[in-house]
């Protein structure tokens, strides 16, 4: 009699086991609870950077300068280019609602001679190493009008023009191109809107105080007129081909030139003796197009087209630079740059061109700032010249231990060849004790006989340490 009862119990046990397992599988299939949204402060970062390097010039020019260089201008002399502290909270690139970010960046080093805004720390330190408030801006993302919304940035930021930047970690070379040094603004102060029309198109439009200036007539701005900066960005083939075309248009000639300590004559001196124009209405056009093509995982090609014109002195400069970046290993890149850039110089009323205008050298610690202000200085330029620059180098990024205080190290050795293509001799300057005569490039005051050779070879490199 026990066998029938056992046969009836087995199906019940099997059914119970099946239902229990099914329930456990059902529980396992339920999605895990969504993680809480990231805290706004989670993306706040505090980072540091130190860059130091040297550019050896076998010619040993008597004036001690690598002509045509700015940040690497001191021949065969070690430089602390930058010691940078950056505090930032970037916008969330995937934000669909309102979002806010900011950046504050301070710089100390020899580069600060060229990266200061007019009116900020200009004469704080009379030394090769100076200080600069490099960036101080806030940005808000507005989910308005377009697929990707609009970003509105206000404050002080480094320019969007050009293939190279002040930040050395975004560049492939220690030395800079002619167009970076002389064909684009370095910094802006103002308001800029970026409309993300769709994934393929961005539109930029903004108002700035001018090239490398702050706000405040003759306190931070060397003239009394604003400027426009804007352009378009194209993102094609899933980001493998990008084009950024930007322009900066506004009066850039200073009307702060001071002679005999009589500032009331400043503007008239500019109009009559220098450009025969009103500095607040003579426009300067700085235009740049950067095309970046990621050919494959190993090869990237970058083309930079540049054109600059100044209506006050009726002069222009223009050129092209081609970059090639070949990634050999994760830790090694082979890089090359070829550039041709023309400085047309300025002419007298009878049409005779007698001096360059854009490309120059700045021996003193304050010469670049004085030139921008329109003050007398010892900077000098060459006669109108077509410059050719050829640079080859390596980017070496050895691994660093995880969790260490140092976040990354990059070494960038390079060799560079510069020459004049039209027979001028801008290199190997003879110094002020020789036949060189100083000028004021920003104001077009002529210089002559500053160099003795038509070519220049330099061997240089730097080390970048990120914290």
Protein backbone atom coordinates (compact mmCIF):
# COMPACT_ATOMS: atom_id res chain seq x y z
CA UNK A 1 0.00 0.00 0.00
CA UNK A 2 2.93 2.35 0.42
CA UNK A 3 3.98 2.24 -3.28
CA UNK A 4 0.96 4.17 -4.64
CA UNK A 5 1.46 6.97 -2.11
CA UNK A 6 5.14 7.28 -3.14
CA UNK A 7 4.21 7.53 -6.80
CA UNK A 8 1.82 10.38 -6.07
CA UNK A 9 4.43 12.33 -4.06
CA UNK A 10 7.15 12.33 -6.75
CA UNK A 11 5.28 14.51 -9.27
CA UNK A 12 4.52 16.99 -6.54
CA UNK A 13 8.18 17.16 -5.52
CA UNK A 14 9.27 17.64 -9.13
CA UNK A 15 6.72 20.39 -9.66
CA UNK A 16 7.76 22.19 -6.49
CA UNK A 17 11.42 22.00 -7.45
CA UNK A 18 10.67 23.38 -10.94
CA UNK A 19 8.63 26.27 -9.58
CA UNK A 20 11.33 27.11 -7.05
CA UNK A 21 14.05 27.16 -9.68
CA UNK A 22 11.87 29.15 -12.04
CA UNK A 23 11.29 31.72 -9.35
CA UNK A 24 15.00 32.01 -8.66
CA UNK A 25 15.73 32.43 -12.37
CA UNK A 26 13.06 35.09 -12.61
CA UNK A 27 14.60 36.99 -9.72
CA UNK A 28 18.05 36.76 -11.33
CA UNK A 29 16.71 38.18 -14.59
CA UNK A 30 15.35 41.34 -12.97
CA UNK A 31 17.54 44.41 -13.78
CA UNK A 32 19.81 45.71 -11.05
CA UNK A 33 18.80 49.02 -9.50
CA UNK A 34 20.14 52.01 -11.41
CA UNK A 35 23.17 53.65 -9.76
CA UNK A 36 22.55 57.04 -8.24
CA UNK A 37 23.43 59.99 -10.48
CA UNK A 38 27.00 61.23 -10.22
CA UNK A 39 27.56 64.03 -7.81
CA UNK A 40 28.45 67.36 -9.43
CA UNK A 41 31.70 67.48 -7.48
CA UNK A 42 32.78 63.98 -8.58
CA UNK A 43 34.14 65.39 -11.85
CA UNK A 44 36.06 68.25 -10.20
CA UNK A 45 39.79 67.82 -10.75
CA UNK A 46 42.94 69.53 -9.49
CA UNK A 47 45.97 68.83 -11.67
CA UNK A 48 49.51 70.09 -12.08
CA UNK A 49 52.05 70.25 -14.89
CA UNK A 50 55.73 71.12 -15.11
CA UNK A 51 57.48 71.68 -18.44
CA UNK A 52 61.16 72.38 -18.86
CA UNK A 53 63.36 72.27 -21.93
CA UNK A 54 66.15 73.74 -24.01
CA UNK A 55 66.73 74.64 -27.68
CA UNK A 56 70.39 74.37 -28.65
CA UNK A 57 71.52 76.67 -31.45
CA UNK A 58 74.98 75.69 -32.82
CA UNK A 59 75.33 79.13 -34.43
CA UNK A 60 75.58 80.70 -30.96
CA UNK A 61 73.95 83.96 -32.13
CA UNK A 62 75.48 87.00 -30.40
CA UNK A 63 72.05 88.26 -29.36
CA UNK A 64 71.32 84.88 -27.72
CA UNK A 65 68.03 84.44 -29.58
CA UNK A 66 66.49 81.85 -31.83
CA UNK A 67 64.87 84.30 -34.22
CA UNK A 68 61.24 83.54 -35.06
CA UNK A 69 60.66 81.70 -31.77
CA UNK A 70 58.70 82.98 -28.82
CA UNK A 71 58.38 80.34 -26.08
CA UNK A 72 61.72 78.77 -27.10
CA UNK A 73 63.52 82.01 -27.95
CA UNK A 74 66.56 81.71 -25.67
CA UNK A 75 69.35 79.97 -27.59
CA UNK A 76 71.11 77.10 -25.79
CA UNK A 77 69.61 78.13 -22.46
CA UNK A 78 67.57 75.85 -20.16
CA UNK A 79 64.04 77.11 -19.51
CA UNK A 80 61.36 76.42 -16.97
CA UNK A 81 58.62 76.96 -19.51
CA UNK A 82 55.60 76.25 -17.37
CA UNK A 83 54.57 75.25 -13.89
CA UNK A 84 50.78 75.07 -14.09
CA UNK A 85 47.99 74.49 -11.59
CA UNK A 86 44.53 73.78 -13.02
CA UNK A 87 41.23 73.47 -11.18
CA UNK A 88 38.33 72.52 -13.39
CA UNK A 89 34.96 70.90 -13.68
CA UNK A 90 34.21 70.19 -17.37
CA UNK A 91 30.74 70.00 -18.83
CA UNK A 92 29.25 66.53 -19.08
CA UNK A 93 29.51 65.77 -22.82
CA UNK A 94 26.37 63.61 -22.56
CA UNK A 95 24.32 66.18 -20.67
CA UNK A 96 20.75 66.51 -21.96
CA UNK A 97 19.71 69.08 -19.39
CA UNK A 98 21.31 72.09 -17.76
CA UNK A 99 24.93 71.71 -16.71
CA UNK A 100 27.70 73.98 -15.46
CA UNK A 101 31.49 73.85 -15.58
CA UNK A 102 34.49 76.08 -15.00
CA UNK A 103 38.28 76.31 -15.21
CA UNK A 104 40.84 78.29 -13.25
CA UNK A 105 44.43 77.93 -14.44
CA UNK A 106 47.56 79.72 -13.22
CA UNK A 107 50.99 79.57 -14.86
CA UNK A 108 54.50 80.40 -13.71
CA UNK A 109 57.53 80.22 -15.99
CA UNK A 110 59.28 81.73 -18.98
CA UNK A 111 56.23 81.20 -21.22
CA UNK A 112 54.32 83.75 -19.14
CA UNK A 113 56.27 86.54 -20.86
CA UNK A 114 54.06 85.84 -23.88
CA UNK A 115 50.85 84.49 -22.33
CA UNK A 116 49.84 87.34 -20.02
CA UNK A 117 46.68 89.26 -20.71
CA UNK A 118 47.20 93.00 -21.01
CA UNK A 119 46.44 94.49 -17.62
CA UNK A 120 47.17 91.33 -15.59
CA UNK A 121 50.54 90.76 -13.87
CA UNK A 122 52.34 92.48 -16.79
CA UNK A 123 55.10 94.05 -14.70
CA UNK A 124 54.80 92.05 -11.50
CA UNK A 125 58.14 90.22 -11.90
CA UNK A 126 61.13 91.58 -13.82
CA UNK A 127 62.55 88.17 -14.56
CA UNK A 128 62.56 85.57 -17.32
CA UNK A 129 60.08 83.54 -15.26
CA UNK A 130 56.82 85.39 -14.73
CA UNK A 131 53.25 84.63 -13.68
CA UNK A 132 50.01 84.60 -15.64
CA UNK A 133 46.39 83.83 -14.89
CA UNK A 134 46.02 81.67 -17.97
CA UNK A 135 42.33 80.82 -17.86
CA UNK A 136 39.40 81.78 -15.66
CA UNK A 137 36.03 80.99 -17.17
CA UNK A 138 32.66 79.48 -16.47
CA UNK A 139 30.44 77.66 -18.96
CA UNK A 140 26.79 76.67 -18.87
CA UNK A 141 25.06 74.12 -21.07
CA UNK A 142 21.58 75.15 -22.17
CA UNK A 143 19.33 72.45 -23.72
CA UNK A 144 17.83 74.95 -26.13
CA UNK A 145 17.06 75.21 -29.85
CA UNK A 146 19.42 72.58 -31.25
CA UNK A 147 19.96 68.83 -30.98
CA UNK A 148 23.01 69.26 -28.75
CA UNK A 149 21.92 72.51 -27.11
CA UNK A 150 24.08 75.60 -26.62
CA UNK A 151 27.16 76.14 -24.46
CA UNK A 152 27.81 79.70 -23.26
CA UNK A 153 31.30 80.49 -21.96
CA UNK A 154 32.28 83.74 -20.21
CA UNK A 155 35.61 84.89 -18.79
CA UNK A 156 39.16 84.37 -20.05
CA UNK A 157 40.22 81.43 -22.19
CA UNK A 158 42.93 80.39 -24.63
CA UNK A 159 42.05 80.89 -28.27
CA UNK A 160 40.29 78.26 -30.35
CA UNK A 161 42.27 79.24 -33.45
CA UNK A 162 45.17 77.14 -34.64
CA UNK A 163 46.48 73.59 -34.51
CA UNK A 164 48.75 74.33 -31.53
CA UNK A 165 47.93 75.66 -28.08
CA UNK A 166 49.59 77.15 -25.02
CA UNK A 167 49.00 73.85 -23.22
CA UNK A 168 52.06 71.73 -24.17
CA UNK A 169 50.25 68.45 -23.48
CA UNK A 170 48.08 69.05 -26.56
CA UNK A 171 51.04 69.70 -28.88
CA UNK A 172 53.46 67.32 -30.58
CA UNK A 173 56.50 69.64 -30.60
CA UNK A 174 58.46 71.72 -28.12
CA UNK A 175 58.93 74.62 -30.54
CA UNK A 176 55.92 76.35 -32.08
CA UNK A 177 54.98 77.17 -35.65
CA UNK A 178 55.26 80.67 -37.09
CA UNK A 179 51.48 80.86 -37.42
CA UNK A 180 50.98 79.99 -33.74
CA UNK A 181 53.51 82.61 -32.66
CA UNK A 182 52.46 85.38 -35.04
CA UNK A 183 49.27 84.46 -36.93
CA UNK A 184 46.62 83.86 -34.26
CA UNK A 185 45.55 85.39 -30.94
CA UNK A 186 46.76 83.52 -27.88
CA UNK A 187 43.95 84.42 -25.47
CA UNK A 188 40.51 85.99 -25.31
CA UNK A 189 38.42 87.79 -22.73
CA UNK A 190 34.69 87.93 -23.38
CA UNK A 191 31.64 85.78 -24.05
CA UNK A 192 31.43 82.88 -26.52
CA UNK A 193 28.42 80.77 -27.53
CA UNK A 194 28.79 77.32 -29.11
CA UNK A 195 25.67 75.95 -30.80
CA UNK A 196 25.72 72.16 -31.25
CA UNK A 197 23.35 72.22 -34.22
CA UNK A 198 23.63 68.47 -34.76
CA UNK A 199 26.36 65.81 -34.33
CA UNK A 200 27.99 67.04 -37.56
CA UNK A 201 27.95 70.82 -37.08
CA UNK A 202 28.94 73.29 -34.36
CA UNK A 203 28.66 77.08 -34.73
CA UNK A 204 30.80 79.50 -32.68
CA UNK A 205 30.08 83.19 -32.10
CA UNK A 206 31.37 85.58 -29.46
CA UNK A 207 32.56 89.05 -28.48
CA UNK A 208 36.03 89.62 -27.04
CA UNK A 209 38.04 92.60 -25.82
CA UNK A 210 40.69 91.90 -28.47
CA UNK A 211 43.87 89.89 -28.87
CA UNK A 212 45.47 88.99 -25.52
CA UNK A 213 43.58 91.72 -23.64
CA UNK A 214 41.39 92.12 -20.60
CA UNK A 215 38.51 94.55 -20.11
CA UNK A 216 39.08 98.23 -19.39
CA UNK A 217 40.22 100.84 -21.87
CA UNK A 218 43.95 101.48 -21.37
CA UNK A 219 43.76 99.46 -18.17
CA UNK A 220 43.41 96.03 -19.79
CA UNK A 221 42.65 96.83 -23.41
CA UNK A 222 45.18 98.66 -25.59
CA UNK A 223 42.42 100.37 -27.59
CA UNK A 224 38.76 101.20 -27.11
CA UNK A 225 37.07 98.69 -29.43
CA UNK A 226 35.77 95.11 -29.09
CA UNK A 227 36.37 92.22 -31.51
CA UNK A 228 34.39 89.32 -32.93
CA UNK A 229 35.43 85.67 -32.76
CA UNK A 230 33.47 82.90 -34.41
CA UNK A 231 33.40 80.09 -36.93
CA UNK A 232 32.17 76.58 -37.63
CA UNK A 233 33.24 73.08 -36.68
CA UNK A 234 32.52 69.94 -38.71
CA UNK A 235 32.64 66.44 -37.24
CA UNK A 236 32.63 63.90 -40.07
CA UNK A 237 33.03 60.13 -40.47
CA UNK A 238 32.39 59.35 -36.80
CA UNK A 239 34.94 61.96 -35.74
CA UNK A 240 37.76 60.63 -37.92
CA UNK A 241 37.70 63.86 -39.95
CA UNK A 242 37.20 67.23 -38.24
CA UNK A 243 37.40 70.77 -39.57
CA UNK A 244 37.53 73.90 -37.39
CA UNK A 245 37.37 77.21 -39.27
CA UNK A 246 37.65 80.27 -37.02
CA UNK A 247 38.11 84.02 -37.42
CA UNK A 248 38.94 86.87 -35.05
CA UNK A 249 38.15 90.37 -36.36
CA UNK A 250 38.67 93.67 -34.58
CA UNK A 251 40.99 96.67 -34.11
CA UNK A 252 44.26 95.51 -32.57
CA UNK A 253 46.65 98.45 -32.99
CA UNK A 254 47.39 100.12 -29.65
CA UNK A 255 46.59 103.76 -29.08
CA UNK A 256 48.48 103.81 -25.79
CA UNK A 257 51.85 104.73 -27.25
CA UNK A 258 53.44 107.17 -24.83
CA UNK A 259 56.01 109.72 -25.93
CA UNK A 260 57.52 112.41 -23.71
CA UNK A 261 55.10 111.26 -20.99
CA UNK A 262 52.19 113.02 -22.69
CA UNK A 263 49.32 110.49 -22.94
CA UNK A 264 47.00 113.11 -24.46
CA UNK A 265 49.01 112.81 -27.66
CA UNK A 266 48.87 109.00 -27.78
CA UNK A 267 46.10 108.51 -30.29
CA UNK A 268 47.30 111.30 -32.57
CA UNK A 269 50.83 109.86 -32.67
CA UNK A 270 49.44 106.55 -33.93
CA UNK A 271 47.31 108.26 -36.56
CA UNK A 272 49.92 110.63 -37.96
CA UNK A 273 53.33 109.06 -37.44
CA UNK A 274 52.65 105.33 -37.63
CA UNK A 275 49.70 103.88 -39.52
CA UNK A 276 48.00 107.14 -40.57
CA UNK A 277 44.81 105.65 -39.17
CA UNK A 278 42.54 105.58 -36.16
CA UNK A 279 43.66 102.51 -34.17
CA UNK A 280 40.10 101.98 -32.91
CA UNK A 281 38.73 101.47 -36.40
CA UNK A 282 41.62 99.80 -38.26
CA UNK A 283 40.61 96.15 -38.36
CA UNK A 284 42.89 93.15 -38.07
CA UNK A 285 41.64 89.83 -39.48
CA UNK A 286 43.04 86.60 -38.05
CA UNK A 287 41.74 83.53 -39.87
CA UNK A 288 42.62 79.88 -39.36
CA UNK A 289 41.35 76.51 -40.62
CA UNK A 290 42.50 73.26 -38.99
CA UNK A 291 41.67 69.92 -40.61
CA UNK A 292 42.43 66.75 -38.65
CA UNK A 293 42.22 63.39 -40.42
CA UNK A 294 42.66 60.19 -38.48
CA UNK A 295 43.70 57.98 -41.39
CA UNK A 296 43.85 54.86 -39.22
CA UNK A 297 44.80 53.87 -35.69
CA UNK A 298 48.47 54.60 -36.42
CA UNK A 299 48.47 57.70 -38.63
CA UNK A 300 46.97 61.16 -38.10
CA UNK A 301 47.39 64.09 -40.51
CA UNK A 302 46.73 67.71 -39.50
CA UNK A 303 46.64 70.64 -41.93
CA UNK A 304 46.63 74.23 -40.65
CA UNK A 305 45.84 77.13 -43.02
CA UNK A 306 46.39 80.68 -41.79
CA UNK A 307 45.77 84.21 -43.08
CA UNK A 308 46.15 87.46 -41.16
CA UNK A 309 45.65 91.02 -42.39
CA UNK A 310 46.02 94.41 -40.73
CA UNK A 311 44.13 97.28 -42.39
CA UNK A 312 45.99 99.95 -40.43
CA UNK A 313 49.36 99.18 -41.96
CA UNK A 314 47.87 97.51 -45.06
CA UNK A 315 49.88 94.35 -44.56
CA UNK A 316 49.26 90.63 -44.35
CA UNK A 317 50.76 87.28 -43.42
CA UNK A 318 49.74 83.82 -44.52
CA UNK A 319 50.88 80.24 -44.69
CA UNK A 320 50.25 76.53 -44.30
CA UNK A 321 51.57 73.91 -41.90
CA UNK A 322 51.29 70.16 -42.40
CA UNK A 323 51.64 67.77 -39.46
CA UNK A 324 52.02 63.98 -39.49
CA UNK A 325 51.74 61.83 -36.37
CA UNK A 326 52.63 58.15 -36.57
CA UNK A 327 51.93 56.03 -33.49
CA UNK A 328 54.56 53.28 -33.45
CA UNK A 329 53.73 51.96 -29.99
CA UNK A 330 51.47 53.13 -27.19
CA UNK A 331 54.49 54.89 -25.70
CA UNK A 332 56.12 56.20 -28.89
CA UNK A 333 55.02 58.61 -31.63
CA UNK A 334 57.12 59.85 -34.56
CA UNK A 335 56.04 63.37 -35.55
CA UNK A 336 56.81 65.80 -38.35
CA UNK A 337 55.85 69.37 -39.27
CA UNK A 338 56.47 71.33 -42.46
CA UNK A 339 55.45 75.00 -42.62
CA UNK A 340 55.70 77.90 -45.03
CA UNK A 341 54.65 81.31 -43.69
CA UNK A 342 54.95 84.72 -45.35
CA UNK A 343 55.37 88.03 -43.54
CA UNK A 344 54.59 90.67 -46.18
CA UNK A 345 55.86 93.54 -44.07
CA UNK A 346 54.75 97.16 -44.41
CA UNK A 347 55.32 99.78 -47.07
CA UNK A 348 55.97 103.49 -47.07
CA UNK A 349 53.60 105.83 -48.89
CA UNK A 350 55.60 105.47 -52.11
CA UNK A 351 55.09 101.71 -52.08
CA UNK A 352 58.60 100.70 -51.01
CA UNK A 353 58.48 97.81 -48.53
CA UNK A 354 61.20 98.22 -45.95
CA UNK A 355 60.39 96.16 -42.87
CA UNK A 356 58.61 93.07 -41.65
CA UNK A 357 55.60 93.39 -39.40
CA UNK A 358 54.54 90.15 -37.72
CA UNK A 359 57.61 87.94 -37.18
CA UNK A 360 59.95 89.34 -34.58
CA UNK A 361 62.17 88.73 -31.56
CA UNK A 362 61.88 90.12 -28.04
CA UNK A 363 65.17 90.20 -26.10
CA UNK A 364 63.91 91.82 -22.90
CA UNK A 365 61.59 90.31 -20.33
CA UNK A 366 58.99 93.02 -20.94
CA UNK A 367 59.51 93.60 -24.66
CA UNK A 368 56.54 91.56 -25.85
CA UNK A 369 54.12 93.20 -23.41
CA UNK A 370 55.55 96.66 -24.15
CA UNK A 371 55.09 96.02 -27.85
CA UNK A 372 51.44 95.04 -27.33
CA UNK A 373 50.83 98.14 -25.25
CA UNK A 374 52.58 100.30 -27.84
CA UNK A 375 55.39 101.31 -25.50
CA UNK A 376 58.99 101.75 -26.67
CA UNK A 377 61.00 98.52 -26.40
CA UNK A 378 64.00 96.69 -27.84
CA UNK A 379 62.16 94.13 -29.97
CA UNK A 380 63.08 93.87 -33.64
CA UNK A 381 61.80 92.44 -36.92
CA UNK A 382 63.33 91.37 -40.21
CA UNK A 383 62.58 92.65 -43.69
CA UNK A 384 59.61 90.96 -45.47
CA UNK A 385 60.41 87.24 -45.52
CA UNK A 386 58.94 83.91 -46.57
CA UNK A 387 59.88 81.45 -43.82
CA UNK A 388 60.23 77.69 -44.18
CA UNK A 389 60.28 75.56 -41.05
CA UNK A 390 60.88 71.79 -41.03
CA UNK A 391 60.66 69.93 -37.72
CA UNK A 392 60.98 66.23 -36.85
CA UNK A 393 60.69 64.71 -33.42
CA UNK A 394 59.52 62.00 -31.05
CA UNK A 395 56.89 61.83 -28.33
CA UNK A 396 58.02 59.32 -25.70
CA UNK A 397 55.63 58.50 -22.85
CA UNK A 398 57.14 55.82 -20.60
CA UNK A 399 54.70 54.07 -18.24
CA UNK A 400 54.46 55.30 -14.66
CA UNK A 401 53.44 53.14 -11.69
CA UNK A 402 49.73 53.13 -10.95
CA UNK A 403 48.74 55.13 -7.91
CA UNK A 404 51.90 57.25 -7.96
CA UNK A 405 51.87 61.00 -7.43
CA UNK A 406 53.20 61.50 -10.96
CA UNK A 407 50.42 60.80 -13.46
CA UNK A 408 52.45 60.92 -16.64
CA UNK A 409 55.82 61.80 -18.17
CA UNK A 410 56.45 62.82 -21.80
CA UNK A 411 59.76 63.53 -23.51
CA UNK A 412 59.74 65.44 -26.82
CA UNK A 413 63.16 65.65 -28.52
CA UNK A 414 63.24 67.39 -31.90
CA UNK A 415 65.45 68.81 -34.63
CA UNK A 416 64.35 71.89 -36.57
CA UNK A 417 65.53 73.64 -39.72
CA UNK A 418 64.44 77.21 -40.55
CA UNK A 419 65.34 79.17 -43.64
CA UNK A 420 64.35 82.20 -45.68
CA UNK A 421 62.98 81.41 -49.13
CA UNK A 422 63.49 84.90 -50.53
CA UNK A 423 67.13 85.67 -49.75
CA UNK A 424 66.76 87.62 -46.49
CA UNK A 425 68.99 86.93 -43.46
CA UNK A 426 66.80 86.92 -40.35
CA UNK A 427 68.84 84.43 -38.28
CA UNK A 428 72.02 84.61 -36.20
CA UNK A 429 71.34 88.10 -34.88
CA UNK A 430 74.34 90.34 -34.36
CA UNK A 431 73.00 91.93 -31.20
CA UNK A 432 72.42 95.58 -30.50
CA UNK A 433 76.13 96.27 -30.33
CA UNK A 434 76.45 95.28 -33.99
CA UNK A 435 74.54 96.46 -37.00
CA UNK A 436 71.10 95.48 -35.72
CA UNK A 437 68.57 98.25 -35.15
CA UNK A 438 65.57 97.63 -32.87
CA UNK A 439 61.99 98.27 -33.90
CA UNK A 440 58.46 97.94 -32.54
CA UNK A 441 56.73 95.15 -34.51
CA UNK A 442 53.23 95.81 -33.16
CA UNK A 443 53.47 99.42 -34.31
CA UNK A 444 55.42 98.82 -37.49
CA UNK A 445 58.43 100.92 -36.51
CA UNK A 446 61.12 99.52 -38.85
CA UNK A 447 64.15 97.50 -37.96
CA UNK A 448 67.02 96.50 -40.23
CA UNK A 449 70.11 94.35 -40.29
CA UNK A 450 69.03 92.18 -37.37
CA UNK A 451 70.42 88.92 -38.74
CA UNK A 452 73.42 87.61 -40.65
CA UNK A 453 72.34 84.22 -42.00
CA UNK A 454 69.51 82.86 -44.13
CA UNK A 455 69.08 79.62 -42.18
CA UNK A 456 69.05 78.23 -38.68
CA UNK A 457 69.30 74.69 -37.28
CA UNK A 458 68.29 73.95 -33.71
CA UNK A 459 68.25 70.82 -31.55
CA UNK A 460 65.83 70.90 -28.68
CA UNK A 461 63.34 69.13 -26.53
CA UNK A 462 61.44 69.25 -23.29
CA UNK A 463 60.10 67.08 -20.50
CA UNK A 464 56.48 67.21 -19.37
CA UNK A 465 55.54 65.91 -15.94
CA UNK A 466 51.86 65.70 -15.03
CA UNK A 467 50.56 65.43 -11.48
